[in-house]
Protein backbone atom coordinates (compact mmCIF):
# COMPACT_ATOMS: atom_id res chain seq x y z
CA MET A 1 85.31 81.59 90.23
CA ASN A 2 84.01 85.19 90.22
CA GLY A 3 81.21 85.34 92.70
CA TRP A 4 80.14 88.73 91.43
CA PHE A 5 79.52 87.43 87.89
CA LEU A 6 77.80 84.49 89.32
CA THR A 7 75.44 86.62 91.40
CA ALA A 8 74.97 89.00 88.44
CA GLY A 9 74.04 85.96 86.26
CA VAL A 10 71.56 84.36 88.67
CA THR A 11 69.99 87.94 89.25
CA ALA A 12 69.68 88.24 85.42
CA ALA A 13 68.07 84.75 85.23
CA VAL A 14 65.50 85.75 87.88
CA VAL A 15 64.94 88.96 85.98
CA ALA A 16 64.31 86.88 82.86
CA ALA A 17 61.90 84.59 84.65
CA VAL A 18 60.03 87.59 86.10
CA HIS A 19 59.89 89.11 82.57
CA MET A 20 58.54 85.99 80.99
CA ILE A 21 56.04 84.97 83.73
CA ALA A 22 54.66 88.15 85.21
CA GLY A 23 55.29 90.30 82.26
CA GLY A 24 53.64 87.85 79.91
CA ARG A 25 50.59 87.77 82.15
CA ASP A 26 50.43 91.52 82.90
CA VAL A 27 51.81 93.05 79.59
CA VAL A 28 51.74 90.60 76.69
CA ARG A 29 48.39 89.07 77.20
CA PRO A 30 46.58 92.46 77.45
CA LEU A 31 48.61 93.64 74.46
CA LEU A 32 47.52 90.76 72.25
CA LEU A 33 43.90 91.23 73.25
CA GLY A 34 44.03 95.02 72.86
CA ASP A 35 42.85 97.31 69.99
CA VAL A 36 46.28 97.71 68.44
CA PRO A 37 46.29 96.83 64.79
CA ALA A 38 47.64 93.44 63.94
CA GLU A 39 51.02 94.29 62.43
CA PRO A 40 52.24 96.52 65.14
CA ARG A 41 50.87 94.14 67.76
CA ARG A 42 52.85 91.26 66.25
CA VAL A 43 55.95 93.45 66.02
CA LEU A 44 55.64 94.20 69.84
CA HIS A 45 55.03 90.55 70.54
CA ALA A 46 58.10 89.70 68.71
CA VAL A 47 60.13 92.29 70.44
CA TRP A 48 58.79 90.94 73.81
CA HIS A 49 60.36 87.58 72.84
CA MET A 50 63.54 89.18 71.63
CA VAL A 51 64.03 90.82 75.07
CA SER A 52 63.30 87.45 76.75
CA ALA A 53 66.08 85.82 74.63
CA ASP A 54 68.35 88.76 75.35
CA LEU A 55 67.80 88.46 79.17
CA LEU A 56 68.41 84.72 79.11
CA LEU A 57 71.55 85.06 76.99
CA ALA A 58 72.96 87.75 79.27
CA ALA A 59 72.28 85.57 82.29
CA ALA A 60 74.02 82.56 80.55
CA ALA A 61 77.00 84.71 79.62
CA LEU A 62 77.44 86.08 83.18
CA ILE A 63 77.30 82.71 84.65
CA TRP A 64 79.76 81.39 82.06
CA LEU A 65 82.07 84.29 82.83
CA SER A 66 81.89 83.40 86.53
CA VAL A 67 83.61 80.02 85.91
CA SER A 68 85.81 81.06 82.97
CA ASP A 69 89.15 82.54 82.89
CA ARG A 70 89.09 83.43 79.25
CA PRO A 71 90.67 86.65 77.93
CA GLY A 72 88.14 89.42 77.34
CA GLY A 73 85.83 88.32 80.01
CA ASP A 74 86.03 91.64 81.77
CA ALA A 75 85.17 93.48 78.49
CA MET A 76 82.15 91.28 78.01
CA ALA A 77 81.03 91.91 81.51
CA TRP A 78 81.43 95.67 81.05
CA PHE A 79 79.36 95.39 77.86
CA ILE A 80 76.71 93.49 79.70
CA ALA A 81 76.76 96.00 82.55
CA ALA A 82 76.27 98.84 80.10
CA HIS A 83 73.54 96.92 78.35
CA PHE A 84 71.58 96.73 81.75
CA VAL A 85 72.36 100.36 82.58
CA ALA A 86 70.88 101.24 79.17
CA TYR A 87 67.68 99.23 79.90
CA SER A 88 67.39 100.76 83.35
CA VAL A 89 67.78 104.30 81.93
CA VAL A 90 65.06 103.54 79.30
CA PHE A 91 62.57 102.47 81.85
CA LEU A 92 63.52 105.50 84.08
CA VAL A 93 63.10 108.05 81.31
CA VAL A 94 59.81 106.51 80.10
CA THR A 95 58.47 106.27 83.62
CA LEU A 96 59.45 109.90 84.52
CA ALA A 97 58.06 111.19 81.17
CA ALA A 98 54.67 109.94 82.22
CA SER A 99 52.61 112.27 84.59
CA TRP A 100 52.15 109.56 87.25
CA SER A 101 52.08 109.72 91.00
CA LYS A 102 54.93 107.67 92.36
CA PRO A 103 56.38 107.12 88.82
CA LEU A 104 59.44 105.09 90.02
CA LEU A 105 57.13 102.42 91.21
CA ARG A 106 54.68 102.26 88.32
CA LEU A 107 57.19 100.74 86.03
CA PRO A 108 59.74 99.20 88.57
CA GLN A 109 61.63 97.13 85.96
CA TRP A 110 64.67 99.37 86.45
CA ILE A 111 64.85 98.20 89.99
CA LEU A 112 65.43 94.69 88.77
CA LEU A 113 67.73 95.64 85.89
CA LEU A 114 70.24 97.96 87.62
CA PRO A 115 71.55 95.43 90.21
CA VAL A 116 72.69 93.22 87.25
CA ALA A 117 74.63 96.02 85.91
CA VAL A 118 76.19 96.98 89.27
CA LEU A 119 77.11 93.27 90.10
CA ALA A 120 78.66 92.74 86.70
CA ALA A 121 80.59 95.98 86.92
CA VAL A 122 81.86 95.22 90.47
CA GLY A 123 82.95 91.78 89.15
CA ALA A 124 84.93 93.23 86.25
CA VAL A 125 86.84 95.69 88.37
């Protein structure tokens, strides 16, 4: 068993739960009630659910990798790590592009995403 992958998978599952529960309340509901025209609003709603599925699938893949000795597992873990680094970078860039005080805490999603990347990468080494 690879404890790093297991920890990364459980962390990714927690990130998915936070995304779906807290994000649904704080982001999706206001978005759906907002003044955004119907078509872009529905596209953003669909993208929200796509990210939910993506986070859950990544968590499942990492947990599966933790108990599997299949060839190519490290390559998959590196891909998932890169995926979570990319998500983290997107949040950091968007956050830092805004003229906010304490910008790194205004959109703290990167704080949840980056540990998954680090744990998956360490497990793949």
